Amino acid sequence: MLKNGEIIKGPFGPEIVEIKHCEQIDDGLYLVESIGRQTNRYYDRYLEQYQLEKHLEFCS
């Protein structure tokens, strides 16, 4: 699972983001809240486990 403060590129928006909160809300479903590093835009996404495992690129 993602940790607060991690810097990643993935299915969260059009930019690199910093994870602010990641919570499992159901079996295999996560709420991920993040902030864009360039724009400070807030993103919240519901992602399934396979999306977290397959589509992330860690930048830090």
PDB file of N, CA and C in Angstrom:
ATOM      1  N   MET A   1       0.838  -1.185   0.000  1.00  0.00           N
ATOM      2  CA  MET A   1       0.000   0.000   0.000  1.00  0.00           C
ATOM      3  C   MET A   1       0.879   1.243   0.000  1.00  0.00           C
ATOM      4  N   LEU A   2       0.343   2.307  -0.519  1.00  0.00           N
ATOM      5  CA  LEU A   2       1.069   3.580  -0.564  1.00  0.00           C
ATOM      6  C   LEU A   2       1.180   4.185   0.828  1.00  0.00           C
ATOM      7  N   LYS A   3       2.252   4.930   1.023  1.00  0.00           N
ATOM      8  CA  LYS A   3       2.489   5.586   2.307  1.00  0.00           C
ATOM      9  C   LYS A   3       2.446   7.100   2.128  1.00  0.00           C
ATOM     10  N   ASN A   4       2.002   7.788   3.156  1.00  0.00           N
ATOM     11  CA  ASN A   4       1.988   9.252   3.135  1.00  0.00           C
ATOM     12  C   ASN A   4       3.379   9.782   2.847  1.00  0.00           C
ATOM     13  N   GLY A   5       3.459  10.773   1.971  1.00  0.00           N
ATOM     14  CA  GLY A   5       4.729  11.400   1.651  1.00  0.00           C
ATOM     15  C   GLY A   5       5.441  10.810   0.450  1.00  0.00           C
ATOM     16  N   GLU A   6       5.017   9.634  -0.036  1.00  0.00           N
ATOM     17  CA  GLU A   6       5.651   9.056  -1.220  1.00  0.00           C
ATOM     18  C   GLU A   6       5.343   9.907  -2.449  1.00  0.00           C
ATOM     19  N   ILE A   7       6.325  10.013  -3.318  1.00  0.00           N
ATOM     20  CA  ILE A   7       6.193  10.773  -4.563  1.00  0.00           C
ATOM     21  C   ILE A   7       6.076   9.761  -5.692  1.00  0.00           C
ATOM     22  N   ILE A   8       4.978   9.838  -6.443  1.00  0.00           N
ATOM     23  CA  ILE A   8       4.751   8.851  -7.492  1.00  0.00           C
ATOM     24  C   ILE A   8       4.180   9.481  -8.755  1.00  0.00           C
ATOM     25  N   LYS A   9       4.280   8.726  -9.824  1.00  0.00           N
ATOM     26  CA  LYS A   9       3.627   9.054 -11.084  1.00  0.00           C
ATOM     27  C   LYS A   9       2.743   7.865 -11.401  1.00  0.00           C
ATOM     28  N   GLY A  10       1.499   8.122 -11.732  1.00  0.00           N
ATOM     29  CA  GLY A  10       0.593   7.015 -11.998  1.00  0.00           C
ATOM     30  C   GLY A  10      -0.795   7.505 -12.341  1.00  0.00           C
ATOM     31  N   PRO A  11      -1.807   6.712 -12.027  1.00  0.00           N
ATOM     32  CA  PRO A  11      -3.174   7.004 -12.453  1.00  0.00           C
ATOM     33  C   PRO A  11      -3.900   8.014 -11.557  1.00  0.00           C
ATOM     34  N   PHE A  12      -3.175   8.971 -11.038  1.00  0.00           N
ATOM     35  CA  PHE A  12      -3.766   9.923 -10.102  1.00  0.00           C
ATOM     36  C   PHE A  12      -4.056  11.271 -10.737  1.00  0.00           C
ATOM     37  N   GLY A  13      -3.472  11.532 -11.850  1.00  0.00           N
ATOM     38  CA  GLY A  13      -3.637  12.809 -12.518  1.00  0.00           C
ATOM     39  C   GLY A  13      -2.541  12.996 -13.544  1.00  0.00           C
ATOM     40  N   PRO A  14      -2.508  14.152 -14.159  1.00  0.00           N
ATOM     41  CA  PRO A  14      -1.553  14.387 -15.248  1.00  0.00           C
ATOM     42  C   PRO A  14      -0.160  14.819 -14.795  1.00  0.00           C
ATOM     43  N   GLU A  15       0.143  14.664 -13.517  1.00  0.00           N
ATOM     44  CA  GLU A  15       1.439  15.110 -13.021  1.00  0.00           C
ATOM     45  C   GLU A  15       1.940  14.179 -11.914  1.00  0.00           C
ATOM     46  N   ILE A  16       3.152  14.388 -11.513  1.00  0.00           N
ATOM     47  CA  ILE A  16       3.721  13.673 -10.370  1.00  0.00           C
ATOM     48  C   ILE A  16       3.022  14.185  -9.111  1.00  0.00           C
ATOM     49  N   VAL A  17       2.681  13.264  -8.208  1.00  0.00           N
ATOM     50  CA  VAL A  17       1.934  13.641  -7.011  1.00  0.00           C
ATOM     51  C   VAL A  17       2.618  13.144  -5.747  1.00  0.00           C
ATOM     52  N   GLU A  18       2.278  13.795  -4.652  1.00  0.00           N
ATOM     53  CA  GLU A  18       2.689  13.348  -3.325  1.00  0.00           C
ATOM     54  C   GLU A  18       1.468  12.752  -2.637  1.00  0.00           C
ATOM     55  N   ILE A  19       1.603  11.540  -2.133  1.00  0.00           N
ATOM     56  CA  ILE A  19       0.502  10.860  -1.457  1.00  0.00           C
ATOM     57  C   ILE A  19       0.251  11.521  -0.107  1.00  0.00           C
ATOM     58  N   LYS A  20      -0.999  11.881   0.133  1.00  0.00           N
ATOM     59  CA  LYS A  20      -1.393  12.470   1.412  1.00  0.00           C
ATOM     60  C   LYS A  20      -2.153  11.478   2.281  1.00  0.00           C
ATOM     61  N   HIS A  21      -2.872  10.556   1.628  1.00  0.00           N
ATOM     62  CA  HIS A  21      -3.658   9.573   2.383  1.00  0.00           C
ATOM     63  C   HIS A  21      -3.994   8.410   1.466  1.00  0.00           C
ATOM     64  N   CYS A  22      -3.883   7.204   1.987  1.00  0.00           N
ATOM     65  CA  CYS A  22      -4.289   6.003   1.254  1.00  0.00           C
ATOM     66  C   CYS A  22      -4.990   5.083   2.240  1.00  0.00           C
ATOM     67  N   GLU A  23      -6.234   4.747   1.926  1.00  0.00           N
ATOM     68  CA  GLU A  23      -7.044   3.960   2.853  1.00  0.00           C
ATOM     69  C   GLU A  23      -7.761   2.849   2.102  1.00  0.00           C
ATOM     70  N   GLN A  24      -7.679   1.646   2.626  1.00  0.00           N
ATOM     71  CA  GLN A  24      -8.443   0.539   2.053  1.00  0.00           C
ATOM     72  C   GLN A  24      -9.880   0.677   2.512  1.00  0.00           C
ATOM     73  N   ILE A  25     -10.811   0.783   1.558  1.00  0.00           N
ATOM     74  CA  ILE A  25     -12.208   0.990   1.920  1.00  0.00           C
ATOM     75  C   ILE A  25     -13.072  -0.239   1.673  1.00  0.00           C
ATOM     76  N   ASP A  26     -12.526  -1.198   0.950  1.00  0.00           N
ATOM     77  CA  ASP A  26     -13.223  -2.450   0.683  1.00  0.00           C
ATOM     78  C   ASP A  26     -12.164  -3.472   0.279  1.00  0.00           C
ATOM     79  N   ASP A  27     -12.555  -4.685   0.108  1.00  0.00           N
ATOM     80  CA  ASP A  27     -11.617  -5.723  -0.292  1.00  0.00           C
ATOM     81  C   ASP A  27     -11.063  -5.412  -1.679  1.00  0.00           C
ATOM     82  N   GLY A  28      -9.800  -4.992  -1.734  1.00  0.00           N
ATOM     83  CA  GLY A  28      -9.153  -4.682  -3.007  1.00  0.00           C
ATOM     84  C   GLY A  28      -9.463  -3.316  -3.564  1.00  0.00           C
ATOM     85  N   LEU A  29     -10.113  -2.439  -2.797  1.00  0.00           N
ATOM     86  CA  LEU A  29     -10.439  -1.086  -3.257  1.00  0.00           C
ATOM     87  C   LEU A  29      -9.863  -0.060  -2.286  1.00  0.00           C
ATOM     88  N   TYR A  30      -9.183   0.940  -2.837  1.00  0.00           N
ATOM     89  CA  TYR A  30      -8.489   1.946  -2.033  1.00  0.00           C
ATOM     90  C   TYR A  30      -8.909   3.348  -2.430  1.00  0.00           C
ATOM     91  N   LEU A  31      -8.978   4.228  -1.447  1.00  0.00           N
ATOM     92  CA  LEU A  31      -9.124   5.654  -1.681  1.00  0.00           C
ATOM     93  C   LEU A  31      -7.736   6.262  -1.548  1.00  0.00           C
ATOM     94  N   VAL A  32      -7.274   6.934  -2.606  1.00  0.00           N
ATOM     95  CA  VAL A  32      -5.951   7.547  -2.600  1.00  0.00           C
ATOM     96  C   VAL A  32      -6.124   9.053  -2.788  1.00  0.00           C
ATOM     97  N   GLU A  33      -5.614   9.825  -1.825  1.00  0.00           N
ATOM     98  CA  GLU A  33      -5.648  11.278  -1.900  1.00  0.00           C
ATOM     99  C   GLU A  33      -4.225  11.781  -2.091  1.00  0.00           C
ATOM    100  N   SER A  34      -4.061  12.721  -3.007  1.00  0.00           N
ATOM    101  CA  SER A  34      -2.723  13.203  -3.324  1.00  0.00           C
ATOM    102  C   SER A  34      -2.767  14.669  -3.738  1.00  0.00           C
ATOM    103  N   ILE A  35      -1.577  15.267  -3.787  1.00  0.00           N
ATOM    104  CA  ILE A  35      -1.410  16.665  -4.185  1.00  0.00           C
ATOM    105  C   ILE A  35      -0.390  16.727  -5.320  1.00  0.00           C
ATOM    106  N   GLY A  36      -0.735  17.435  -6.394  1.00  0.00           N
ATOM    107  CA  GLY A  36       0.189  17.611  -7.514  1.00  0.00           C
ATOM    108  C   GLY A  36       1.422  18.404  -7.098  1.00  0.00           C
ATOM    109  N   ARG A  37       2.577  17.933  -7.510  1.00  0.00           N
ATOM    110  CA  ARG A  37       3.835  18.582  -7.117  1.00  0.00           C
ATOM    111  C   ARG A  37       4.055  19.914  -7.828  1.00  0.00           C
ATOM    112  N   GLN A  38       3.540  20.065  -9.036  1.00  0.00           N
ATOM    113  CA  GLN A  38       3.747  21.310  -9.773  1.00  0.00           C
ATOM    114  C   GLN A  38       2.612  22.303  -9.552  1.00  0.00           C
ATOM    115  N   THR A  39       1.379  21.820  -9.478  1.00  0.00           N
ATOM    116  CA  THR A  39       0.225  22.721  -9.432  1.00  0.00           C
ATOM    117  C   THR A  39      -0.418  22.830  -8.058  1.00  0.00           C
ATOM    118  N   ASN A  40      -0.040  21.951  -7.131  1.00  0.00           N
ATOM    119  CA  ASN A  40      -0.682  21.857  -5.814  1.00  0.00           C
ATOM    120  C   ASN A  40      -2.163  21.491  -5.913  1.00  0.00           C
ATOM    121  N   ARG A  41      -2.560  20.923  -7.030  1.00  0.00           N
ATOM    122  CA  ARG A  41      -3.940  20.490  -7.219  1.00  0.00           C
ATOM    123  C   ARG A  41      -4.195  19.222  -6.406  1.00  0.00           C
ATOM    124  N   TYR A  42      -5.389  19.148  -5.819  1.00  0.00           N
ATOM    125  CA  TYR A  42      -5.804  17.992  -5.022  1.00  0.00           C
ATOM    126  C   TYR A  42      -6.425  16.941  -5.939  1.00  0.00           C
ATOM    127  N   TYR A  43      -6.022  15.680  -5.754  1.00  0.00           N
ATOM    128  CA  TYR A  43      -6.601  14.559  -6.498  1.00  0.00           C
ATOM    129  C   TYR A  43      -7.088  13.514  -5.510  1.00  0.00           C
ATOM    130  N   ASP A  44      -8.274  12.982  -5.747  1.00  0.00           N
ATOM    131  CA  ASP A  44      -8.716  11.811  -4.994  1.00  0.00           C
ATOM    132  C   ASP A  44      -9.245  10.790  -5.990  1.00  0.00           C
ATOM    133  N   ARG A  45      -8.799   9.573  -5.819  1.00  0.00           N
ATOM    134  CA  ARG A  45      -9.139   8.503  -6.750  1.00  0.00           C
ATOM    135  C   ARG A  45      -9.460   7.223  -5.984  1.00  0.00           C
ATOM    136  N   TYR A  46     -10.417   6.498  -6.490  1.00  0.00           N
ATOM    137  CA  TYR A  46     -10.681   5.150  -6.017  1.00  0.00           C
ATOM    138  C   TYR A  46      -9.969   4.205  -6.966  1.00  0.00           C
ATOM    139  N   LEU A  47      -9.072   3.410  -6.428  1.00  0.00           N
ATOM    140  CA  LEU A  47      -8.272   2.501  -7.244  1.00  0.00           C
ATOM    141  C   LEU A  47      -8.357   1.089  -6.695  1.00  0.00           C
ATOM    142  N   GLU A  48      -8.313   0.137  -7.614  1.00  0.00           N
ATOM    143  CA  GLU A  48      -8.301  -1.264  -7.217  1.00  0.00           C
ATOM    144  C   GLU A  48      -6.861  -1.713  -7.004  1.00  0.00           C
ATOM    145  N   GLN A  49      -6.723  -2.807  -6.267  1.00  0.00           N
ATOM    146  CA  GLN A  49      -5.399  -3.321  -5.917  1.00  0.00           C
ATOM    147  C   GLN A  49      -4.504  -3.492  -7.140  1.00  0.00           C
ATOM    148  N   TYR A  50      -5.039  -4.062  -8.218  1.00  0.00           N
ATOM    149  CA  TYR A  50      -4.219  -4.302  -9.402  1.00  0.00           C
ATOM    150  C   TYR A  50      -3.714  -2.992 -10.008  1.00  0.00           C
ATOM    151  N   GLN A  51      -4.494  -1.917  -9.895  1.00  0.00           N
ATOM    152  CA  GLN A  51      -4.044  -0.623 -10.407  1.00  0.00           C
ATOM    153  C   GLN A  51      -2.870  -0.093  -9.596  1.00  0.00           C
ATOM    154  N   LEU A  52      -2.919  -0.283  -8.299  1.00  0.00           N
ATOM    155  CA  LEU A  52      -1.814   0.159  -7.449  1.00  0.00           C
ATOM    156  C   LEU A  52      -0.548  -0.636  -7.742  1.00  0.00           C
ATOM    157  N   GLU A  53      -0.687  -1.913  -7.999  1.00  0.00           N
ATOM    158  CA  GLU A  53       0.474  -2.767  -8.243  1.00  0.00           C
ATOM    159  C   GLU A  53       1.054  -2.574  -9.636  1.00  0.00           C
ATOM    160  N   LYS A  54       0.219  -2.295 -10.616  1.00  0.00           N
ATOM    161  CA  LYS A  54       0.648  -2.294 -12.013  1.00  0.00           C
ATOM    162  C   LYS A  54       1.052  -0.927 -12.551  1.00  0.00           C
ATOM    163  N   HIS A  55       0.399   0.135 -12.119  1.00  0.00           N
ATOM    164  CA  HIS A  55       0.515   1.415 -12.794  1.00  0.00           C
ATOM    165  C   HIS A  55       1.322   2.486 -12.068  1.00  0.00           C
ATOM    166  N   LEU A  56       2.037   2.125 -11.028  1.00  0.00           N
ATOM    167  CA  LEU A  56       2.776   3.139 -10.265  1.00  0.00           C
ATOM    168  C   LEU A  56       4.240   3.192 -10.663  1.00  0.00           C
ATOM    169  N   GLU A  57       4.757   4.398 -10.668  1.00  0.00           N
ATOM    170  CA  GLU A  57       6.187   4.614 -10.864  1.00  0.00           C
ATOM    171  C   GLU A  57       6.639   5.532  -9.736  1.00  0.00           C
ATOM    172  N   PHE A  58       7.496   4.999  -8.852  1.00  0.00           N
ATOM    173  CA  PHE A  58       7.950   5.777  -7.708  1.00  0.00           C
ATOM    174  C   PHE A  58       9.047   6.731  -8.144  1.00  0.00           C
ATOM    175  N   CYS A  59       8.953   7.964  -7.678  1.00  0.00           N
ATOM    176  CA  CYS A  59       9.888   9.009  -8.087  1.00  0.00           C
ATOM    177  C   CYS A  59      10.845   9.402  -6.970  1.00  0.00           C
ATOM    178  N   SER A  60      10.633   8.931  -5.767  1.00  0.00           N
ATOM    179  CA  SER A  60      11.520   9.321  -4.660  1.00  0.00           C
ATOM    180  C   SER A  60      12.298   8.138  -4.137  1.00  0.00           C
TER     181      SER A  60
END
